[in-house]
Amino acid sequence: MMISVRNVLCGIAAALVLSAVVHAQQEVSAEELQAQIARLRQQVAELEQVKAQLDRLERQMEALQKAQKAADPAVTRRTKAPASR
């Protein structure tokens, strides 16, 4: 899952950079470029926050899966009825 998330983040970042280059080639004003750069930096910061959240969720999911695996044998032992008495 992380590979696809990283690929998506890289694709978004590449699109943002390409957008800035296209606008720069259209001779936009320096003020407009500075505003675009500020927006891009904000978007990058937001993407980094999303990535951090995804990393935390992935670690939580892995911990939950480990806990479930560890609990499954214990549940099976407790719920099995004795073969004969």
PDB file of N, CA and C in Angstrom:
ATOM      1  N   MET A   1       0.823  -1.193   0.000  1.00  0.00           N
ATOM      2  CA  MET A   1       0.000   0.000   0.000  1.00  0.00           C
ATOM      3  C   MET A   1       0.869   1.259   0.000  1.00  0.00           C
ATOM      4  N   MET A   2       1.987   1.254   0.735  1.00  0.00           N
ATOM      5  CA  MET A   2       2.811   2.456   0.821  1.00  0.00           C
ATOM      6  C   MET A   2       3.398   2.823  -0.529  1.00  0.00           C
ATOM      7  N   ILE A   3       3.728   1.834  -1.350  1.00  0.00           N
ATOM      8  CA  ILE A   3       4.308   2.148  -2.649  1.00  0.00           C
ATOM      9  C   ILE A   3       3.318   2.956  -3.466  1.00  0.00           C
ATOM     10  N   SER A   4       2.065   2.555  -3.490  1.00  0.00           N
ATOM     11  CA  SER A   4       1.087   3.292  -4.276  1.00  0.00           C
ATOM     12  C   SER A   4       0.835   4.677  -3.686  1.00  0.00           C
ATOM     13  N   VAL A   5       0.856   4.817  -2.387  1.00  0.00           N
ATOM     14  CA  VAL A   5       0.665   6.131  -1.763  1.00  0.00           C
ATOM     15  C   VAL A   5       1.817   7.044  -2.143  1.00  0.00           C
ATOM     16  N   ARG A   6       3.028   6.539  -2.078  1.00  0.00           N
ATOM     17  CA  ARG A   6       4.194   7.352  -2.464  1.00  0.00           C
ATOM     18  C   ARG A   6       4.123   7.724  -3.935  1.00  0.00           C
ATOM     19  N   ASN A   7       3.693   6.773  -4.780  1.00  0.00           N
ATOM     20  CA  ASN A   7       3.569   7.077  -6.206  1.00  0.00           C
ATOM     21  C   ASN A   7       2.556   8.185  -6.438  1.00  0.00           C
ATOM     22  N   VAL A   8       1.453   8.135  -5.727  1.00  0.00           N
ATOM     23  CA  VAL A   8       0.432   9.174  -5.860  1.00  0.00           C
ATOM     24  C   VAL A   8       0.991  10.520  -5.414  1.00  0.00           C
ATOM     25  N   LEU A   9       1.672  10.546  -4.274  1.00  0.00           N
ATOM     26  CA  LEU A   9       2.248  11.803  -3.781  1.00  0.00           C
ATOM     27  C   LEU A   9       3.283  12.353  -4.754  1.00  0.00           C
ATOM     28  N   CYS A  10       4.113  11.488  -5.315  1.00  0.00           N
ATOM     29  CA  CYS A  10       5.112  11.936  -6.295  1.00  0.00           C
ATOM     30  C   CYS A  10       4.433  12.463  -7.553  1.00  0.00           C
ATOM     31  N   GLY A  11       3.373  11.816  -7.981  1.00  0.00           N
ATOM     32  CA  GLY A  11       2.639  12.276  -9.159  1.00  0.00           C
ATOM     33  C   GLY A  11       2.021  13.639  -8.941  1.00  0.00           C
ATOM     34  N   ILE A  12       1.449  13.846  -7.762  1.00  0.00           N
ATOM     35  CA  ILE A  12       0.853  15.145  -7.438  1.00  0.00           C
ATOM     36  C   ILE A  12       1.926  16.218  -7.402  1.00  0.00           C
ATOM     37  N   ALA A  13       3.048  15.915  -6.770  1.00  0.00           N
ATOM     38  CA  ALA A  13       4.138  16.894  -6.700  1.00  0.00           C
ATOM     39  C   ALA A  13       4.655  17.228  -8.097  1.00  0.00           C
ATOM     40  N   ALA A  14       4.788  16.228  -8.958  1.00  0.00           N
ATOM     41  CA  ALA A  14       5.258  16.469 -10.326  1.00  0.00           C
ATOM     42  C   ALA A  14       4.266  17.339 -11.092  1.00  0.00           C
ATOM     43  N   ALA A  15       2.975  17.087 -10.898  1.00  0.00           N
ATOM     44  CA  ALA A  15       1.958  17.902 -11.567  1.00  0.00           C
ATOM     45  C   ALA A  15       2.014  19.343 -11.088  1.00  0.00           C
ATOM     46  N   LEU A  16       2.241  19.535  -9.803  1.00  0.00           N
ATOM     47  CA  LEU A  16       2.340  20.894  -9.266  1.00  0.00           C
ATOM     48  C   LEU A  16       3.550  21.627  -9.838  1.00  0.00           C
ATOM     49  N   VAL A  17       4.673  20.942  -9.934  1.00  0.00           N
ATOM     50  CA  VAL A  17       5.882  21.556 -10.494  1.00  0.00           C
ATOM     51  C   VAL A  17       5.666  21.879 -11.969  1.00  0.00           C
ATOM     52  N   LEU A  18       5.080  20.959 -12.713  1.00  0.00           N
ATOM     53  CA  LEU A  18       4.810  21.186 -14.131  1.00  0.00           C
ATOM     54  C   LEU A  18       3.878  22.373 -14.318  1.00  0.00           C
ATOM     55  N   SER A  19       2.880  22.481 -13.476  1.00  0.00           N
ATOM     56  CA  SER A  19       1.959  23.620 -13.532  1.00  0.00           C
ATOM     57  C   SER A  19       2.705  24.930 -13.313  1.00  0.00           C
ATOM     58  N   ALA A  20       3.616  24.952 -12.364  1.00  0.00           N
ATOM     59  CA  ALA A  20       4.398  26.167 -12.100  1.00  0.00           C
ATOM     60  C   ALA A  20       5.285  26.511 -13.292  1.00  0.00           C
ATOM     61  N   VAL A  21       5.875  25.505 -13.934  1.00  0.00           N
ATOM     62  CA  VAL A  21       6.736  25.741 -15.094  1.00  0.00           C
ATOM     63  C   VAL A  21       5.926  26.292 -16.259  1.00  0.00           C
ATOM     64  N   VAL A  22       4.758  25.723 -16.513  1.00  0.00           N
ATOM     65  CA  VAL A  22       3.905  26.193 -17.609  1.00  0.00           C
ATOM     66  C   VAL A  22       3.521  27.645 -17.381  1.00  0.00           C
ATOM     67  N   HIS A  23       3.148  27.978 -16.179  1.00  0.00           N
ATOM     68  CA  HIS A  23       2.779  29.364 -15.877  1.00  0.00           C
ATOM     69  C   HIS A  23       3.979  30.299 -16.023  1.00  0.00           C
ATOM     70  N   ALA A  24       5.148  29.841 -15.636  1.00  0.00           N
ATOM     71  CA  ALA A  24       6.348  30.673 -15.757  1.00  0.00           C
ATOM     72  C   ALA A  24       6.658  30.947 -17.228  1.00  0.00           C
ATOM     73  N   GLN A  25       6.413  29.961 -18.079  1.00  0.00           N
ATOM     74  CA  GLN A  25       6.679  30.135 -19.504  1.00  0.00           C
ATOM     75  C   GLN A  25       5.690  31.100 -20.150  1.00  0.00           C
ATOM     76  N   GLN A  26       4.568  31.321 -19.528  1.00  0.00           N
ATOM     77  CA  GLN A  26       3.563  32.234 -20.066  1.00  0.00           C
ATOM     78  C   GLN A  26       3.807  33.663 -19.599  1.00  0.00           C
ATOM     79  N   GLU A  27       4.980  33.921 -19.058  1.00  0.00           N
ATOM     80  CA  GLU A  27       5.396  35.251 -18.627  1.00  0.00           C
ATOM     81  C   GLU A  27       4.416  35.876 -17.627  1.00  0.00           C
ATOM     82  N   VAL A  28       4.085  35.140 -16.607  1.00  0.00           N
ATOM     83  CA  VAL A  28       3.250  35.705 -15.549  1.00  0.00           C
ATOM     84  C   VAL A  28       4.105  36.637 -14.701  1.00  0.00           C
ATOM     85  N   SER A  29       3.459  37.503 -14.001  1.00  0.00           N
ATOM     86  CA  SER A  29       4.182  38.487 -13.194  1.00  0.00           C
ATOM     87  C   SER A  29       4.908  37.821 -12.030  1.00  0.00           C
ATOM     88  N   ALA A  30       5.909  38.492 -11.533  1.00  0.00           N
ATOM     89  CA  ALA A  30       6.685  37.975 -10.407  1.00  0.00           C
ATOM     90  C   ALA A  30       5.801  37.794  -9.183  1.00  0.00           C
ATOM     91  N   GLU A  31       4.873  38.707  -8.976  1.00  0.00           N
ATOM     92  CA  GLU A  31       3.975  38.600  -7.815  1.00  0.00           C
ATOM     93  C   GLU A  31       3.100  37.355  -7.928  1.00  0.00           C
ATOM     94  N   GLU A  32       2.615  37.099  -9.138  1.00  0.00           N
ATOM     95  CA  GLU A  32       1.763  35.924  -9.326  1.00  0.00           C
ATOM     96  C   GLU A  32       2.567  34.640  -9.119  1.00  0.00           C
ATOM     97  N   LEU A  33       3.797  34.631  -9.601  1.00  0.00           N
ATOM     98  CA  LEU A  33       4.647  33.461  -9.382  1.00  0.00           C
ATOM     99  C   LEU A  33       4.916  33.246  -7.899  1.00  0.00           C
ATOM    100  N   GLN A  34       5.165  34.331  -7.180  1.00  0.00           N
ATOM    101  CA  GLN A  34       5.397  34.208  -5.740  1.00  0.00           C
ATOM    102  C   GLN A  34       4.155  33.668  -5.037  1.00  0.00           C
ATOM    103  N   ALA A  35       2.986  34.111  -5.471  1.00  0.00           N
ATOM    104  CA  ALA A  35       1.743  33.602  -4.881  1.00  0.00           C
ATOM    105  C   ALA A  35       1.575  32.118  -5.197  1.00  0.00           C
ATOM    106  N   GLN A  36       1.900  31.724  -6.429  1.00  0.00           N
ATOM    107  CA  GLN A  36       1.803  30.314  -6.806  1.00  0.00           C
ATOM    108  C   GLN A  36       2.784  29.468  -6.002  1.00  0.00           C
ATOM    109  N   ILE A  37       3.982  29.980  -5.828  1.00  0.00           N
ATOM    110  CA  ILE A  37       4.982  29.257  -5.035  1.00  0.00           C
ATOM    111  C   ILE A  37       4.492  29.084  -3.600  1.00  0.00           C
ATOM    112  N   ALA A  38       3.898  30.124  -3.043  1.00  0.00           N
ATOM    113  CA  ALA A  38       3.370  30.031  -1.680  1.00  0.00           C
ATOM    114  C   ALA A  38       2.266  28.978  -1.609  1.00  0.00           C
ATOM    115  N   ARG A  39       1.390  28.958  -2.623  1.00  0.00           N
ATOM    116  CA  ARG A  39       0.316  27.947  -2.645  1.00  0.00           C
ATOM    117  C   ARG A  39       0.900  26.549  -2.781  1.00  0.00           C
ATOM    118  N   LEU A  40       1.903  26.403  -3.648  1.00  0.00           N
ATOM    119  CA  LEU A  40       2.538  25.095  -3.826  1.00  0.00           C
ATOM    120  C   LEU A  40       3.203  24.623  -2.540  1.00  0.00           C
ATOM    121  N   ARG A  41       3.862  25.531  -1.854  1.00  0.00           N
ATOM    122  CA  ARG A  41       4.492  25.157  -0.577  1.00  0.00           C
ATOM    123  C   ARG A  41       3.439  24.721   0.436  1.00  0.00           C
ATOM    124  N   GLN A  42       2.309  25.411   0.451  1.00  0.00           N
ATOM    125  CA  GLN A  42       1.221  25.039   1.358  1.00  0.00           C
ATOM    126  C   GLN A  42       0.685  23.653   0.992  1.00  0.00           C
ATOM    127  N   GLN A  43       0.524  23.408  -0.310  1.00  0.00           N
ATOM    128  CA  GLN A  43       0.025  22.105  -0.747  1.00  0.00           C
ATOM    129  C   GLN A  43       1.015  20.996  -0.404  1.00  0.00           C
ATOM    130  N   VAL A  44       2.300  21.260  -0.564  1.00  0.00           N
ATOM    131  CA  VAL A  44       3.320  20.271  -0.203  1.00  0.00           C
ATOM    132  C   VAL A  44       3.253  19.979   1.294  1.00  0.00           C
ATOM    133  N   ALA A  45       3.092  21.024   2.103  1.00  0.00           N
ATOM    134  CA  ALA A  45       2.982  20.830   3.556  1.00  0.00           C
ATOM    135  C   ALA A  45       1.755  19.983   3.888  1.00  0.00           C
ATOM    136  N   GLU A  46       0.641  20.247   3.198  1.00  0.00           N
ATOM    137  CA  GLU A  46      -0.572  19.459   3.429  1.00  0.00           C
ATOM    138  C   GLU A  46      -0.359  18.006   3.011  1.00  0.00           C
ATOM    139  N   LEU A  47       0.317  17.793   1.878  1.00  0.00           N
ATOM    140  CA  LEU A  47       0.604  16.428   1.431  1.00  0.00           C
ATOM    141  C   LEU A  47       1.505  15.694   2.419  1.00  0.00           C
ATOM    142  N   GLU A  48       2.462  16.406   2.988  1.00  0.00           N
ATOM    143  CA  GLU A  48       3.336  15.788   3.984  1.00  0.00           C
ATOM    144  C   GLU A  48       2.539  15.389   5.222  1.00  0.00           C
ATOM    145  N   GLN A  49       1.558  16.213   5.605  1.00  0.00           N
ATOM    146  CA  GLN A  49       0.708  15.869   6.744  1.00  0.00           C
ATOM    147  C   GLN A  49      -0.129  14.631   6.428  1.00  0.00           C
ATOM    148  N   VAL A  50      -0.664  14.568   5.208  1.00  0.00           N
ATOM    149  CA  VAL A  50      -1.456  13.406   4.798  1.00  0.00           C
ATOM    150  C   VAL A  50      -0.588  12.154   4.806  1.00  0.00           C
ATOM    151  N   LYS A  51       0.635  12.275   4.293  1.00  0.00           N
ATOM    152  CA  LYS A  51       1.550  11.134   4.286  1.00  0.00           C
ATOM    153  C   LYS A  51       1.858  10.680   5.707  1.00  0.00           C
ATOM    154  N   ALA A  52       2.079  11.623   6.611  1.00  0.00           N
ATOM    155  CA  ALA A  52       2.345  11.274   8.011  1.00  0.00           C
ATOM    156  C   ALA A  52       1.142  10.556   8.615  1.00  0.00           C
ATOM    157  N   GLN A  53      -0.067  11.029   8.293  1.00  0.00           N
ATOM    158  CA  GLN A  53      -1.273  10.363   8.787  1.00  0.00           C
ATOM    159  C   GLN A  53      -1.371   8.954   8.221  1.00  0.00           C
ATOM    160  N   LEU A  54      -1.079   8.804   6.928  1.00  0.00           N
ATOM    161  CA  LEU A  54      -1.118   7.479   6.315  1.00  0.00           C
ATOM    162  C   LEU A  54      -0.095   6.547   6.949  1.00  0.00           C
ATOM    163  N   ASP A  55       1.097   7.056   7.221  1.00  0.00           N
ATOM    164  CA  ASP A  55       2.125   6.250   7.884  1.00  0.00           C
ATOM    165  C   ASP A  55       1.653   5.801   9.263  1.00  0.00           C
ATOM    166  N   ARG A  56       1.042   6.733  10.024  1.00  0.00           N
ATOM    167  CA  ARG A  56       0.529   6.374  11.357  1.00  0.00           C
ATOM    168  C   ARG A  56      -0.568   5.323  11.248  1.00  0.00           C
ATOM    169  N   LEU A  57      -1.483   5.506  10.300  1.00  0.00           N
ATOM    170  CA  LEU A  57      -2.563   4.539  10.129  1.00  0.00           C
ATOM    171  C   LEU A  57      -2.025   3.175   9.717  1.00  0.00           C
ATOM    172  N   GLU A  58      -1.018   3.171   8.870  1.00  0.00           N
ATOM    173  CA  GLU A  58      -0.431   1.900   8.451  1.00  0.00           C
ATOM    174  C   GLU A  58       0.214   1.185   9.635  1.00  0.00           C
ATOM    175  N   ARG A  59       0.933   1.930  10.478  1.00  0.00           N
ATOM    176  CA  ARG A  59       1.537   1.315  11.669  1.00  0.00           C
ATOM    177  C   ARG A  59       0.449   0.795  12.616  1.00  0.00           C
ATOM    178  N   GLN A  60      -0.627   1.555  12.782  1.00  0.00           N
ATOM    179  CA  GLN A  60      -1.721   1.111  13.645  1.00  0.00           C
ATOM    180  C   GLN A  60      -2.362  -0.152  13.085  1.00  0.00           C
ATOM    181  N   MET A  61      -2.543  -0.196  11.757  1.00  0.00           N
ATOM    182  CA  MET A  61      -3.145  -1.363  11.130  1.00  0.00           C
ATOM    183  C   MET A  61      -2.252  -2.586  11.323  1.00  0.00           C
ATOM    184  N   GLU A  62      -0.943  -2.413  11.151  1.00  0.00           N
ATOM    185  CA  GLU A  62      -0.019  -3.528  11.356  1.00  0.00           C
ATOM    186  C   GLU A  62      -0.061  -4.013  12.800  1.00  0.00           C
ATOM    187  N   ALA A  63      -0.111  -3.090  13.749  1.00  0.00           N
ATOM    188  CA  ALA A  63      -0.180  -3.469  15.163  1.00  0.00           C
ATOM    189  C   ALA A  63      -1.480  -4.205  15.453  1.00  0.00           C
ATOM    190  N   LEU A  64      -2.570  -3.736  14.864  1.00  0.00           N
ATOM    191  CA  LEU A  64      -3.861  -4.394  15.060  1.00  0.00           C
ATOM    192  C   LEU A  64      -3.842  -5.800  14.473  1.00  0.00           C
ATOM    193  N   GLN A  65      -3.261  -5.953  13.287  1.00  0.00           N
ATOM    194  CA  GLN A  65      -3.180  -7.274  12.672  1.00  0.00           C
ATOM    195  C   GLN A  65      -2.334  -8.219  13.514  1.00  0.00           C
ATOM    196  N   LYS A  66      -1.231  -7.722  14.069  1.00  0.00           N
ATOM    197  CA  LYS A  66      -0.397  -8.552  14.942  1.00  0.00           C
ATOM    198  C   LYS A  66      -1.169  -8.958  16.190  1.00  0.00           C
ATOM    199  N   ALA A  67      -1.910  -8.008  16.760  1.00  0.00           N
ATOM    200  CA  ALA A  67      -2.694  -8.309  17.962  1.00  0.00           C
ATOM    201  C   ALA A  67      -3.775  -9.336  17.653  1.00  0.00           C
ATOM    202  N   GLN A  68      -4.407  -9.206  16.489  1.00  0.00           N
ATOM    203  CA  GLN A  68      -5.438 -10.173  16.111  1.00  0.00           C
ATOM    204  C   GLN A  68      -4.835 -11.557  15.902  1.00  0.00           C
ATOM    205  N   LYS A  69      -3.673 -11.622  15.256  1.00  0.00           N
ATOM    206  CA  LYS A  69      -3.010 -12.913  15.058  1.00  0.00           C
ATOM    207  C   LYS A  69      -2.647 -13.539  16.394  1.00  0.00           C
ATOM    208  N   ALA A  70      -2.156 -12.712  17.307  1.00  0.00           N
ATOM    209  CA  ALA A  70      -1.767 -13.223  18.622  1.00  0.00           C
ATOM    210  C   ALA A  70      -2.986 -13.672  19.409  1.00  0.00           C
ATOM    211  N   ALA A  71      -4.115 -13.008  19.227  1.00  0.00           N
ATOM    212  CA  ALA A  71      -5.321 -13.340  19.986  1.00  0.00           C
ATOM    213  C   ALA A  71      -6.037 -14.553  19.413  1.00  0.00           C
ATOM    214  N   ASP A  72      -5.939 -14.804  18.125  1.00  0.00           N
ATOM    215  CA  ASP A  72      -6.673 -15.902  17.500  1.00  0.00           C
ATOM    216  C   ASP A  72      -6.380 -17.258  18.136  1.00  0.00           C
ATOM    217  N   PRO A  73      -5.134 -17.657  18.330  1.00  0.00           N
ATOM    218  CA  PRO A  73      -4.890 -18.964  18.962  1.00  0.00           C
ATOM    219  C   PRO A  73      -5.450 -19.024  20.386  1.00  0.00           C
ATOM    220  N   ALA A  74      -5.359 -17.932  21.116  1.00  0.00           N
ATOM    221  CA  ALA A  74      -5.878 -17.920  22.486  1.00  0.00           C
ATOM    222  C   ALA A  74      -7.387 -18.085  22.477  1.00  0.00           C
ATOM    223  N   VAL A  75      -8.073 -17.435  21.568  1.00  0.00           N
ATOM    224  CA  VAL A  75      -9.531 -17.560  21.469  1.00  0.00           C
ATOM    225  C   VAL A  75      -9.892 -18.979  21.086  1.00  0.00           C
ATOM    226  N   THR A  76      -9.167 -19.560  20.151  1.00  0.00           N
ATOM    227  CA  THR A  76      -9.442 -20.925  19.712  1.00  0.00           C
ATOM    228  C   THR A  76      -9.273 -21.901  20.869  1.00  0.00           C
ATOM    229  N   ARG A  77      -8.217 -21.761  21.677  1.00  0.00           N
ATOM    230  CA  ARG A  77      -8.000 -22.669  22.810  1.00  0.00           C
ATOM    231  C   ARG A  77      -9.104 -22.526  23.845  1.00  0.00           C
ATOM    232  N   ARG A  78      -9.556 -21.301  24.111  1.00  0.00           N
ATOM    233  CA  ARG A  78     -10.570 -21.092  25.143  1.00  0.00           C
ATOM    234  C   ARG A  78     -11.949 -21.557  24.702  1.00  0.00           C
ATOM    235  N   THR A  79     -12.238 -21.495  23.412  1.00  0.00           N
ATOM    236  CA  THR A  79     -13.590 -21.812  22.962  1.00  0.00           C
ATOM    237  C   THR A  79     -13.768 -23.268  22.572  1.00  0.00           C
ATOM    238  N   LYS A  80     -12.689 -24.007  22.396  1.00  0.00           N
ATOM    239  CA  LYS A  80     -12.818 -25.423  22.039  1.00  0.00           C
ATOM    240  C   LYS A  80     -13.333 -26.206  23.247  1.00  0.00           C
ATOM    241  N   ALA A  81     -14.306 -27.022  22.985  1.00  0.00           N
ATOM    242  CA  ALA A  81     -14.840 -27.879  24.052  1.00  0.00           C
ATOM    243  C   ALA A  81     -13.911 -29.077  24.224  1.00  0.00           C
ATOM    244  N   PRO A  82     -13.799 -29.576  25.439  1.00  0.00           N
ATOM    245  CA  PRO A  82     -12.967 -30.768  25.642  1.00  0.00           C
ATOM    246  C   PRO A  82     -13.531 -31.948  24.852  1.00  0.00           C
ATOM    247  N   ALA A  83     -12.659 -32.808  24.326  1.00  0.00           N
ATOM    248  CA  ALA A  83     -13.078 -33.935  23.489  1.00  0.00           C
ATOM    249  C   ALA A  83     -13.928 -34.921  24.283  1.00  0.00           C
ATOM    250  N   SER A  84     -13.491 -35.262  25.477  1.00  0.00           N
ATOM    251  CA  SER A  84     -14.287 -36.183  26.302  1.00  0.00           C
ATOM    252  C   SER A  84     -13.956 -35.954  27.762  1.00  0.00           C
ATOM    253  N   ARG A  85     -14.897 -36.276  28.586  1.00  0.00           N
ATOM    254  CA  ARG A  85     -14.672 -36.101  30.023  1.00  0.00           C
ATOM    255  C   ARG A  85     -14.923 -37.371  30.748  1.00  0.00           C
TER     256      ARG A  85
END
